[in-house]
C-alpha atoms as a PDB file:
ATOM      1  CA  UNK A   1       0.058   0.024  -0.222  1.00  0.00           C
ATOM      2  CA  UNK A   2       3.165   2.203   1.316  1.00  0.00           C
ATOM      3  CA  UNK A   3       4.745   1.449  -2.180  1.00  0.00           C
ATOM      4  CA  UNK A   4       1.317   2.621  -4.542  1.00  0.00           C
ATOM      5  CA  UNK A   5       1.249   5.815  -2.428  1.00  0.00           C
ATOM      6  CA  UNK A   6       4.908   6.523  -3.231  1.00  0.00           C
ATOM      7  CA  UNK A   7       4.487   5.606  -6.713  1.00  0.00           C
ATOM      8  CA  UNK A   8       1.494   7.911  -6.947  1.00  0.00           C
ATOM      9  CA  UNK A   9       3.239  10.877  -5.381  1.00  0.00           C
ATOM     10  CA  UNK A  10       6.281  10.581  -7.908  1.00  0.00           C
ATOM     11  CA  UNK A  11       4.525  10.144 -10.910  1.00  0.00           C
ATOM     12  CA  UNK A  12       4.444  13.553 -12.890  1.00  0.00           C
ATOM     13  CA  UNK A  13       0.671  15.376 -13.603  1.00  0.00           C
ATOM     14  CA  UNK A  14      -0.794  14.113 -16.846  1.00  0.00           C
ATOM     15  CA  UNK A  15      -1.987  16.790 -19.026  1.00  0.00           C
ATOM     16  CA  UNK A  16      -5.765  16.007 -20.011  1.00  0.00           C
ATOM     17  CA  UNK A  17      -6.766  16.631 -23.387  1.00  0.00           C
ATOM     18  CA  UNK A  18     -10.052  16.234 -25.355  1.00  0.00           C
ATOM     19  CA  UNK A  19     -10.302  13.287 -27.670  1.00  0.00           C
ATOM     20  CA  UNK A  20     -10.011  13.008 -31.285  1.00  0.00           C
ATOM     21  CA  UNK A  21     -14.020  13.220 -31.650  1.00  0.00           C
ATOM     22  CA  UNK A  22     -14.013  16.558 -30.161  1.00  0.00           C
ATOM     23  CA  UNK A  23     -12.104  17.842 -33.286  1.00  0.00           C
ATOM     24  CA  UNK A  24     -14.192  16.115 -35.984  1.00  0.00           C
ATOM     25  CA  UNK A  25     -16.766  19.050 -36.622  1.00  0.00           C
ATOM     26  CA  UNK A  26     -14.103  21.814 -37.083  1.00  0.00           C
ATOM     27  CA  UNK A  27     -12.324  19.193 -39.542  1.00  0.00           C
ATOM     28  CA  UNK A  28     -15.457  18.668 -41.228  1.00  0.00           C
ATOM     29  CA  UNK A  29     -16.607  22.090 -41.614  1.00  0.00           C
ATOM     30  CA  UNK A  30     -12.311  22.839 -42.580  1.00  0.00           C
ATOM     31  CA  UNK A  31     -12.962  20.286 -45.707  1.00  0.00           C
ATOM     32  CA  UNK A  32     -16.118  21.408 -46.941  1.00  0.00           C
ATOM     33  CA  UNK A  33     -15.112  24.895 -47.031  1.00  0.00           C
ATOM     34  CA  UNK A  34     -11.388  25.110 -47.169  1.00  0.00           C
ATOM     35  CA  UNK A  35      -9.877  22.040 -48.767  1.00  0.00           C
ATOM     36  CA  UNK A  36     -12.607  21.345 -51.508  1.00  0.00           C
ATOM     37  CA  UNK A  37     -12.446  24.854 -52.813  1.00  0.00           C
ATOM     38  CA  UNK A  38      -9.344  25.077 -52.728  1.00  0.00           C
ATOM     39  CA  UNK A  39      -8.785  21.744 -54.534  1.00  0.00           C
ATOM     40  CA  UNK A  40     -11.581  23.404 -57.354  1.00  0.00           C
ATOM     41  CA  UNK A  41      -9.816  26.354 -57.847  1.00  0.00           C
ATOM     42  CA  UNK A  42      -6.324  24.407 -58.387  1.00  0.00           C
ATOM     43  CA  UNK A  43      -7.873  22.517 -60.875  1.00  0.00           C
ATOM     44  CA  UNK A  44      -9.545  25.306 -62.607  1.00  0.00           C
ATOM     45  CA  UNK A  45      -6.018  27.004 -62.778  1.00  0.00           C
ATOM     46  CA  UNK A  46      -5.208  24.343 -65.378  1.00  0.00           C
ATOM     47  CA  UNK A  47      -8.226  24.890 -67.503  1.00  0.00           C
ATOM     48  CA  UNK A  48      -9.841  27.430 -69.808  1.00  0.00           C
ATOM     49  CA  UNK A  49     -13.328  28.618 -68.406  1.00  0.00           C
ATOM     50  CA  UNK A  50     -15.256  31.702 -69.181  1.00  0.00           C
ATOM     51  CA  UNK A  51     -17.880  31.050 -66.545  1.00  0.00           C
ATOM     52  CA  UNK A  52     -20.664  29.958 -68.417  1.00  0.00           C
ATOM     53  CA  UNK A  53     -19.304  26.723 -71.119  1.00  0.00           C
ATOM     54  CA  UNK A  54     -17.770  23.821 -69.156  1.00  0.00           C
ATOM     55  CA  UNK A  55     -13.890  24.153 -68.497  1.00  0.00           C
ATOM     56  CA  UNK A  56     -11.546  22.913 -70.924  1.00  0.00           C
ATOM     57  CA  UNK A  57      -8.225  21.413 -69.797  1.00  0.00           C
ATOM     58  CA  UNK A  58      -4.983  23.338 -71.244  1.00  0.00           C
ATOM     59  CA  UNK A  59      -2.459  22.071 -69.288  1.00  0.00           C
ATOM     60  CA  UNK A  60       0.342  24.377 -67.899  1.00  0.00           C
ATOM     61  CA  UNK A  61      -0.819  27.179 -70.315  1.00  0.00           C
ATOM     62  CA  UNK A  62      -2.121  29.582 -67.534  1.00  0.00           C
ATOM     63  CA  UNK A  63       0.901  28.855 -65.571  1.00  0.00           C
ATOM     64  CA  UNK A  64       3.268  29.504 -68.419  1.00  0.00           C
ATOM     65  CA  UNK A  65       1.242  32.849 -69.265  1.00  0.00           C
ATOM     66  CA  UNK A  66       1.403  33.635 -65.124  1.00  0.00           C
ATOM     67  CA  UNK A  67       5.497  33.125 -64.832  1.00  0.00           C
ATOM     68  CA  UNK A  68       5.978  35.427 -67.668  1.00  0.00           C
ATOM     69  CA  UNK A  69       3.083  37.973 -66.885  1.00  0.00           C
ATOM     70  CA  UNK A  70       5.077  41.562 -65.847  1.00  0.00           C
ATOM     71  CA  UNK A  71       1.683  42.627 -64.414  1.00  0.00           C
ATOM     72  CA  UNK A  72       1.826  39.707 -61.765  1.00  0.00           C
ATOM     73  CA  UNK A  73       5.377  40.715 -60.595  1.00  0.00           C
ATOM     74  CA  UNK A  74       4.320  44.048 -60.383  1.00  0.00           C
ATOM     75  CA  UNK A  75       1.403  43.196 -58.280  1.00  0.00           C
ATOM     76  CA  UNK A  76       3.539  40.884 -56.328  1.00  0.00           C
ATOM     77  CA  UNK A  77       5.777  43.601 -55.606  1.00  0.00           C
ATOM     78  CA  UNK A  78       2.808  46.070 -54.373  1.00  0.00           C
ATOM     79  CA  UNK A  79       1.213  43.379 -52.282  1.00  0.00           C
ATOM     80  CA  UNK A  80       4.653  43.028 -50.647  1.00  0.00           C
ATOM     81  CA  UNK A  81       5.119  46.836 -50.008  1.00  0.00           C
ATOM     82  CA  UNK A  82       1.261  47.241 -48.614  1.00  0.00           C
ATOM     83  CA  UNK A  83       1.839  44.241 -46.349  1.00  0.00           C
ATOM     84  CA  UNK A  84       5.140  45.572 -45.107  1.00  0.00           C
ATOM     85  CA  UNK A  85       4.278  49.201 -44.916  1.00  0.00           C
ATOM     86  CA  UNK A  86       0.943  47.933 -42.663  1.00  0.00           C
ATOM     87  CA  UNK A  87       3.162  45.912 -40.268  1.00  0.00           C
ATOM     88  CA  UNK A  88       5.478  48.502 -39.584  1.00  0.00           C
ATOM     89  CA  UNK A  89       2.546  51.249 -39.317  1.00  0.00           C
ATOM     90  CA  UNK A  90       0.069  48.958 -37.255  1.00  0.00           C
ATOM     91  CA  UNK A  91       2.216  47.299 -34.956  1.00  0.00           C
ATOM     92  CA  UNK A  92       3.903  49.677 -32.918  1.00  0.00           C
ATOM     93  CA  UNK A  93       0.789  51.855 -32.425  1.00  0.00           C
ATOM     94  CA  UNK A  94      -1.239  48.968 -31.820  1.00  0.00           C
ATOM     95  CA  UNK A  95       1.365  48.067 -28.920  1.00  0.00           C
ATOM     96  CA  UNK A  96       1.762  51.433 -27.448  1.00  0.00           C
ATOM     97  CA  UNK A  97      -2.235  51.720 -27.578  1.00  0.00           C
ATOM     98  CA  UNK A  98      -2.912  48.297 -26.363  1.00  0.00           C
ATOM     99  CA  UNK A  99      -0.511  48.507 -23.288  1.00  0.00           C
ATOM    100  CA  UNK A 100      -2.009  52.228 -22.625  1.00  0.00           C
ATOM    101  CA  UNK A 101      -5.664  50.714 -22.786  1.00  0.00           C
ATOM    102  CA  UNK A 102      -4.818  48.014 -20.441  1.00  0.00           C
ATOM    103  CA  UNK A 103      -4.238  50.528 -17.308  1.00  0.00           C
ATOM    104  CA  UNK A 104      -6.326  52.074 -14.705  1.00  0.00           C
ATOM    105  CA  UNK A 105      -6.293  55.764 -16.321  1.00  0.00           C
ATOM    106  CA  UNK A 106      -9.421  57.890 -15.472  1.00  0.00           C
ATOM    107  CA  UNK A 107     -11.752  57.670 -18.279  1.00  0.00           C
ATOM    108  CA  UNK A 108      -9.962  55.007 -20.002  1.00  0.00           C
ATOM    109  CA  UNK A 109     -13.127  53.046 -20.546  1.00  0.00           C
ATOM    110  CA  UNK A 110     -14.990  56.053 -22.332  1.00  0.00           C
ATOM    111  CA  UNK A 111     -11.714  56.980 -24.625  1.00  0.00           C
ATOM    112  CA  UNK A 112     -11.083  52.974 -25.152  1.00  0.00           C
ATOM    113  CA  UNK A 113     -14.730  52.724 -26.393  1.00  0.00           C
ATOM    114  CA  UNK A 114     -14.395  55.888 -28.956  1.00  0.00           C
ATOM    115  CA  UNK A 115     -11.107  54.664 -30.176  1.00  0.00           C
ATOM    116  CA  UNK A 116     -12.636  50.994 -31.011  1.00  0.00           C
ATOM    117  CA  UNK A 117     -15.520  52.774 -33.372  1.00  0.00           C
ATOM    118  CA  UNK A 118     -13.703  52.554 -36.584  1.00  0.00           C
ATOM    119  CA  UNK A 119     -13.759  48.678 -35.800  1.00  0.00           C
ATOM    120  CA  UNK A 120     -17.364  48.454 -36.112  1.00  0.00           C
ATOM    121  CA  UNK A 121     -17.326  50.089 -39.616  1.00  0.00           C
ATOM    122  CA  UNK A 122     -17.644  47.911 -42.987  1.00  0.00           C
ATOM    123  CA  UNK A 123     -14.451  47.934 -45.015  1.00  0.00           C
ATOM    124  CA  UNK A 124     -16.880  49.439 -47.941  1.00  0.00           C
ATOM    125  CA  UNK A 125     -17.787  52.230 -45.502  1.00  0.00           C
ATOM    126  CA  UNK A 126     -14.300  52.768 -44.529  1.00  0.00           C
ATOM    127  CA  UNK A 127     -13.229  53.163 -47.979  1.00  0.00           C
ATOM    128  CA  UNK A 128     -15.614  55.185 -49.324  1.00  0.00           C
ATOM    129  CA  UNK A 129     -15.798  57.811 -46.270  1.00  0.00           C
ATOM    130  CA  UNK A 130     -11.749  57.886 -46.603  1.00  0.00           C
ATOM    131  CA  UNK A 131     -12.186  58.383 -50.566  1.00  0.00           C
ATOM    132  CA  UNK A 132     -14.434  61.614 -49.770  1.00  0.00           C
ATOM    133  CA  UNK A 133     -12.264  63.096 -47.098  1.00  0.00           C
ATOM    134  CA  UNK A 134      -9.185  62.687 -49.373  1.00  0.00           C
ATOM    135  CA  UNK A 135     -10.948  64.199 -52.695  1.00  0.00           C
ATOM    136  CA  UNK A 136      -8.554  66.574 -54.511  1.00  0.00           C
ATOM    137  CA  UNK A 137     -11.287  68.784 -55.306  1.00  0.00           C
ATOM    138  CA  UNK A 138     -13.686  68.306 -52.068  1.00  0.00           C
ATOM    139  CA  UNK A 139     -11.651  66.772 -49.423  1.00  0.00           C
ATOM    140  CA  UNK A 140      -9.426  67.733 -47.032  1.00  0.00           C
ATOM    141  CA  UNK A 141      -6.208  68.367 -49.619  1.00  0.00           C
ATOM    142  CA  UNK A 142      -8.348  71.151 -51.114  1.00  0.00           C
ATOM    143  CA  UNK A 143      -8.789  72.770 -47.365  1.00  0.00           C
ATOM    144  CA  UNK A 144      -5.141  71.918 -46.063  1.00  0.00           C
ATOM    145  CA  UNK A 145      -2.870  73.294 -48.820  1.00  0.00           C
ATOM    146  CA  UNK A 146      -0.169  73.332 -45.979  1.00  0.00           C
ATOM    147  CA  UNK A 147      -0.141  69.291 -45.716  1.00  0.00           C
ATOM    148  CA  UNK A 148      -0.953  68.140 -49.247  1.00  0.00           C
ATOM    149  CA  UNK A 149       0.788  70.759 -51.026  1.00  0.00           C
ATOM    150  CA  UNK A 150      -2.186  71.057 -53.799  1.00  0.00           C
ATOM    151  CA  UNK A 151      -1.732  67.710 -55.189  1.00  0.00           C
ATOM    152  CA  UNK A 152      -3.917  65.027 -55.147  1.00  0.00           C
ATOM    153  CA  UNK A 153      -3.090  62.084 -53.013  1.00  0.00           C
ATOM    154  CA  UNK A 154      -4.320  59.267 -55.361  1.00  0.00           C
ATOM    155  CA  UNK A 155      -2.264  61.224 -58.157  1.00  0.00           C
ATOM    156  CA  UNK A 156       0.973  59.263 -57.512  1.00  0.00           C
ATOM    157  CA  UNK A 157       1.893  55.758 -57.005  1.00  0.00           C
ATOM    158  CA  UNK A 158       3.754  56.768 -53.347  1.00  0.00           C
ATOM    159  CA  UNK A 159       0.667  58.707 -52.544  1.00  0.00           C
ATOM    160  CA  UNK A 160      -1.939  56.070 -53.225  1.00  0.00           C
ATOM    161  CA  UNK A 161       0.120  53.354 -51.533  1.00  0.00           C
ATOM    162  CA  UNK A 162       0.583  55.689 -48.285  1.00  0.00           C
ATOM    163  CA  UNK A 163      -3.216  56.673 -48.481  1.00  0.00           C
ATOM    164  CA  UNK A 164      -3.865  52.858 -48.507  1.00  0.00           C
ATOM    165  CA  UNK A 165      -1.786  51.997 -45.456  1.00  0.00           C
ATOM    166  CA  UNK A 166      -3.248  54.769 -43.774  1.00  0.00           C
ATOM    167  CA  UNK A 167      -6.778  53.669 -44.143  1.00  0.00           C
ATOM    168  CA  UNK A 168      -6.111  50.269 -43.477  1.00  0.00           C
ATOM    169  CA  UNK A 169      -4.140  51.184 -40.333  1.00  0.00           C
ATOM    170  CA  UNK A 170      -7.213  53.527 -39.521  1.00  0.00           C
ATOM    171  CA  UNK A 171      -9.609  50.748 -39.320  1.00  0.00           C
ATOM    172  CA  UNK A 172      -7.461  47.695 -38.274  1.00  0.00           C
ATOM    173  CA  UNK A 173      -5.125  49.378 -35.448  1.00  0.00           C
ATOM    174  CA  UNK A 174      -8.169  48.944 -33.073  1.00  0.00           C
ATOM    175  CA  UNK A 175      -8.786  45.391 -33.389  1.00  0.00           C
ATOM    176  CA  UNK A 176      -4.604  44.440 -32.859  1.00  0.00           C
ATOM    177  CA  UNK A 177      -4.785  46.903 -29.631  1.00  0.00           C
ATOM    178  CA  UNK A 178      -7.533  45.006 -28.460  1.00  0.00           C
ATOM    179  CA  UNK A 179      -5.210  41.988 -28.682  1.00  0.00           C
ATOM    180  CA  UNK A 180      -2.415  43.726 -26.824  1.00  0.00           C
ATOM    181  CA  UNK A 181      -5.006  45.040 -24.446  1.00  0.00           C
ATOM    182  CA  UNK A 182      -5.935  41.821 -23.218  1.00  0.00           C
ATOM    183  CA  UNK A 183      -2.476  40.478 -23.147  1.00  0.00           C
ATOM    184  CA  UNK A 184      -1.066  43.446 -20.986  1.00  0.00           C
ATOM    185  CA  UNK A 185      -3.612  42.998 -18.364  1.00  0.00           C
ATOM    186  CA  UNK A 186      -2.837  39.293 -17.868  1.00  0.00           C
ATOM    187  CA  UNK A 187       1.005  40.460 -16.824  1.00  0.00           C
ATOM    188  CA  UNK A 188       1.231  40.012 -13.405  1.00  0.00           C
ATOM    189  CA  UNK A 189       1.914  43.290 -11.417  1.00  0.00           C
ATOM    190  CA  UNK A 190       4.266  41.463  -9.265  1.00  0.00           C
ATOM    191  CA  UNK A 191       6.798  41.860 -12.095  1.00  0.00           C
ATOM    192  CA  UNK A 192       6.462  45.378 -12.269  1.00  0.00           C
ATOM    193  CA  UNK A 193       6.843  45.829  -8.427  1.00  0.00           C
ATOM    194  CA  UNK A 194       9.868  43.907  -8.497  1.00  0.00           C
ATOM    195  CA  UNK A 195      11.150  45.843 -11.122  1.00  0.00           C
ATOM    196  CA  UNK A 196      10.399  48.941  -9.195  1.00  0.00           C
ATOM    197  CA  UNK A 197      11.915  47.963  -6.037  1.00  0.00           C
ATOM    198  CA  UNK A 198      15.197  47.292  -8.123  1.00  0.00           C
ATOM    199  CA  UNK A 199      14.925  50.957  -9.148  1.00  0.00           C
ATOM    200  CA  UNK A 200      13.653  50.137 -12.946  1.00  0.00           C
ATOM    201  CA  UNK A 201      11.443  52.734 -14.649  1.00  0.00           C
ATOM    202  CA  UNK A 202       8.659  52.987 -16.758  1.00  0.00           C
ATOM    203  CA  UNK A 203      10.823  52.738 -19.969  1.00  0.00           C
ATOM    204  CA  UNK A 204      13.072  50.085 -18.592  1.00  0.00           C
ATOM    205  CA  UNK A 205       9.790  48.193 -17.049  1.00  0.00           C
ATOM    206  CA  UNK A 206       8.400  48.414 -20.754  1.00  0.00           C
ATOM    207  CA  UNK A 207      11.273  47.065 -22.426  1.00  0.00           C
ATOM    208  CA  UNK A 208      12.284  44.495 -20.259  1.00  0.00           C
ATOM    209  CA  UNK A 209       8.758  43.337 -19.175  1.00  0.00           C
ATOM    210  CA  UNK A 210       5.914  44.207 -20.848  1.00  0.00           C
ATOM    211  CA  UNK A 211       7.364  43.564 -24.718  1.00  0.00           C
ATOM    212  CA  UNK A 212       8.530  40.201 -23.451  1.00  0.00           C
ATOM    213  CA  UNK A 213       5.453  39.181 -22.237  1.00  0.00           C
ATOM    214  CA  UNK A 214       3.776  40.361 -24.980  1.00  0.00           C
ATOM    215  CA  UNK A 215       5.724  38.361 -27.356  1.00  0.00           C
ATOM    216  CA  UNK A 216       3.022  35.609 -28.161  1.00  0.00           C
ATOM    217  CA  UNK A 217       0.507  38.128 -28.654  1.00  0.00           C
ATOM    218  CA  UNK A 218       3.174  39.988 -31.446  1.00  0.00           C
ATOM    219  CA  UNK A 219       3.344  36.793 -33.187  1.00  0.00           C
ATOM    220  CA  UNK A 220      -0.730  36.094 -33.462  1.00  0.00           C
ATOM    221  CA  UNK A 221      -1.289  39.947 -34.842  1.00  0.00           C
ATOM    222  CA  UNK A 222       1.555  39.910 -37.263  1.00  0.00           C
ATOM    223  CA  UNK A 223       0.032  36.381 -38.356  1.00  0.00           C
ATOM    224  CA  UNK A 224      -3.465  38.199 -38.677  1.00  0.00           C
ATOM    225  CA  UNK A 225      -1.782  41.263 -40.434  1.00  0.00           C
ATOM    226  CA  UNK A 226       0.086  38.801 -42.960  1.00  0.00           C
ATOM    227  CA  UNK A 227      -3.154  37.246 -43.700  1.00  0.00           C
ATOM    228  CA  UNK A 228      -5.348  40.479 -43.960  1.00  0.00           C
ATOM    229  CA  UNK A 229      -2.564  41.951 -46.046  1.00  0.00           C
ATOM    230  CA  UNK A 230      -2.476  38.909 -48.522  1.00  0.00           C
ATOM    231  CA  UNK A 231      -6.233  38.717 -49.118  1.00  0.00           C
ATOM    232  CA  UNK A 232      -6.915  42.682 -48.897  1.00  0.00           C
ATOM    233  CA  UNK A 233      -8.934  43.540 -52.035  1.00  0.00           C
ATOM    234  CA  UNK A 234     -12.157  45.417 -51.227  1.00  0.00           C
ATOM    235  CA  UNK A 235     -10.317  48.643 -50.016  1.00  0.00           C
ATOM    236  CA  UNK A 236      -8.209  48.810 -53.079  1.00  0.00           C
ATOM    237  CA  UNK A 237     -11.139  48.449 -55.125  1.00  0.00           C
ATOM    238  CA  UNK A 238     -13.274  51.300 -53.532  1.00  0.00           C
ATOM    239  CA  UNK A 239     -10.270  53.580 -52.612  1.00  0.00           C
ATOM    240  CA  UNK A 240      -7.820  53.507 -55.675  1.00  0.00           C
ATOM    241  CA  UNK A 241      -9.286  50.911 -57.961  1.00  0.00           C
ATOM    242  CA  UNK A 242      -5.795  49.651 -58.651  1.00  0.00           C
ATOM    243  CA  UNK A 243      -5.027  53.313 -59.708  1.00  0.00           C
ATOM    244  CA  UNK A 244      -3.256  55.357 -60.807  1.00  0.00           C
ATOM    245  CA  UNK A 245      -3.090  53.029 -63.837  1.00  0.00           C
ATOM    246  CA  UNK A 246      -2.261  49.577 -62.149  1.00  0.00           C
ATOM    247  CA  UNK A 247       0.301  50.963 -59.625  1.00  0.00           C
ATOM    248  CA  UNK A 248      -1.705  49.639 -56.585  1.00  0.00           C
ATOM    249  CA  UNK A 249      -2.862  46.313 -58.513  1.00  0.00           C
ATOM    250  CA  UNK A 250      -2.429  44.058 -55.640  1.00  0.00           C
ATOM    251  CA  UNK A 251      -2.729  40.342 -56.328  1.00  0.00           C
ATOM    252  CA  UNK A 252      -6.329  39.702 -55.031  1.00  0.00           C
ATOM    253  CA  UNK A 253      -7.454  42.757 -56.925  1.00  0.00           C
ATOM    254  CA  UNK A 254      -5.668  41.318 -60.210  1.00  0.00           C
ATOM    255  CA  UNK A 255      -7.684  38.180 -59.483  1.00  0.00           C
ATOM    256  CA  UNK A 256     -10.969  40.152 -59.412  1.00  0.00           C
ATOM    257  CA  UNK A 257      -9.846  41.896 -62.604  1.00  0.00           C
ATOM    258  CA  UNK A 258      -8.999  38.786 -64.395  1.00  0.00           C
ATOM    259  CA  UNK A 259     -12.114  36.996 -63.397  1.00  0.00           C
ATOM    260  CA  UNK A 260     -15.024  39.448 -63.127  1.00  0.00           C
ATOM    261  CA  UNK A 261     -13.775  41.957 -65.733  1.00  0.00           C
ATOM    262  CA  UNK A 262     -12.316  39.768 -68.623  1.00  0.00           C
ATOM    263  CA  UNK A 263     -13.847  36.333 -67.421  1.00  0.00           C
ATOM    264  CA  UNK A 264     -11.041  34.684 -67.786  1.00  0.00           C
ATOM    265  CA  UNK A 265     -11.734  32.256 -64.585  1.00  0.00           C
ATOM    266  CA  UNK A 266      -8.417  29.932 -65.311  1.00  0.00           C
ATOM    267  CA  UNK A 267      -6.014  32.195 -65.277  1.00  0.00           C
ATOM    268  CA  UNK A 268      -7.411  34.226 -62.201  1.00  0.00           C
ATOM    269  CA  UNK A 269      -7.506  30.472 -60.440  1.00  0.00           C
ATOM    270  CA  UNK A 270      -3.707  30.264 -61.226  1.00  0.00           C
ATOM    271  CA  UNK A 271      -2.970  34.063 -59.428  1.00  0.00           C
ATOM    272  CA  UNK A 272      -5.592  32.524 -56.491  1.00  0.00           C
ATOM    273  CA  UNK A 273      -3.441  29.378 -56.162  1.00  0.00           C
ATOM    274  CA  UNK A 274      -0.309  31.544 -56.104  1.00  0.00           C
ATOM    275  CA  UNK A 275      -1.888  33.946 -53.656  1.00  0.00           C
ATOM    276  CA  UNK A 276      -2.462  30.639 -51.577  1.00  0.00           C
ATOM    277  CA  UNK A 277       0.810  29.670 -51.682  1.00  0.00           C
ATOM    278  CA  UNK A 278       2.099  32.829 -51.135  1.00  0.00           C
ATOM    279  CA  UNK A 279      -0.004  32.903 -47.664  1.00  0.00           C
ATOM    280  CA  UNK A 280       0.693  29.517 -46.838  1.00  0.00           C
ATOM    281  CA  UNK A 281       4.718  29.925 -47.337  1.00  0.00           C
ATOM    282  CA  UNK A 282       4.335  33.338 -45.036  1.00  0.00           C
ATOM    283  CA  UNK A 283       2.407  31.657 -42.433  1.00  0.00           C
ATOM    284  CA  UNK A 284       4.966  28.657 -42.141  1.00  0.00           C
ATOM    285  CA  UNK A 285       7.705  30.879 -42.349  1.00  0.00           C
ATOM    286  CA  UNK A 286       6.426  33.157 -39.756  1.00  0.00           C
ATOM    287  CA  UNK A 287       5.817  30.263 -37.333  1.00  0.00           C
ATOM    288  CA  UNK A 288       8.792  28.550 -37.590  1.00  0.00           C
ATOM    289  CA  UNK A 289      11.309  31.661 -37.217  1.00  0.00           C
ATOM    290  CA  UNK A 290       9.289  32.962 -34.376  1.00  0.00           C
ATOM    291  CA  UNK A 291       9.295  29.829 -32.652  1.00  0.00           C
ATOM    292  CA  UNK A 292       5.426  29.726 -32.537  1.00  0.00           C
ATOM    293  CA  UNK A 293       5.413  26.225 -32.726  1.00  0.00           C
ATOM    294  CA  UNK A 294       7.336  26.093 -29.677  1.00  0.00           C
ATOM    295  CA  UNK A 295       5.367  28.442 -27.872  1.00  0.00           C
ATOM    296  CA  UNK A 296       4.848  28.573 -23.897  1.00  0.00           C
ATOM    297  CA  UNK A 297       3.063  30.364 -21.832  1.00  0.00           C
ATOM    298  CA  UNK A 298       4.412  33.779 -20.548  1.00  0.00           C
ATOM    299  CA  UNK A 299       3.326  32.451 -17.045  1.00  0.00           C
ATOM    300  CA  UNK A 300       5.355  29.624 -17.123  1.00  0.00           C
ATOM    301  CA  UNK A 301       7.673  29.514 -14.164  1.00  0.00           C
ATOM    302  CA  UNK A 302       5.928  32.170 -12.357  1.00  0.00           C
END
């Protein structure tokens, strides 16, 4: 009896996990609404289809055209620039606002509610509103010459990309700030109390305690930004329509133009397949390089 008790005390605690049956509904949903459509798009990328007649198998014709298409290379480059620009602008602002919103300042709840209002608006409404605000004839550029220099912000490639980053950040910074707010609130106050006793100021506490504790949230937020940046379409359509010319025609917009303007669904499927591959590779790289797959709780050891 004493041996059994000693063995029970020595055995490490086991982690109870749900059985495989718990994952079946999610796997079925993913199979029907993700795997099957992706397989269909991949098949269509090897066909010529105008949307009305039956798809005609053409082998690698669409892919051969794809790799020689200069417009696709430009769209890939613009997509990457927008992606990097959005992360560079949204990440630091979201971290600072999220940490601030997690505090106990006076009227913090009211100010946070007002700040999160853009998150309630649809992307279409946001794009139309900013299109009117930035209209060179009737919007802010005609009223604030010292800021815009009397020029059309949508008249150049750099200006259009800046407008897209501005509007996208305005809409989605509240979402990412909400993630950081929740993560910042879960940081134990004992860490700050110990640091204060050691003489660490607010800046050192932020750098050496807050930022490391937000690491997991940073990876999650960046993953959302990458996926969102590679699938953004409506804001480009409504804000710049891919212009001037094709300077802001990102990959999803090019896919839309090919499918619903020229009715070349086979080539559009090739672009969609490449976009899917790009998003998958970006997510896997982000997971591997950041150590997300080996993620442990920031509360571990406390």
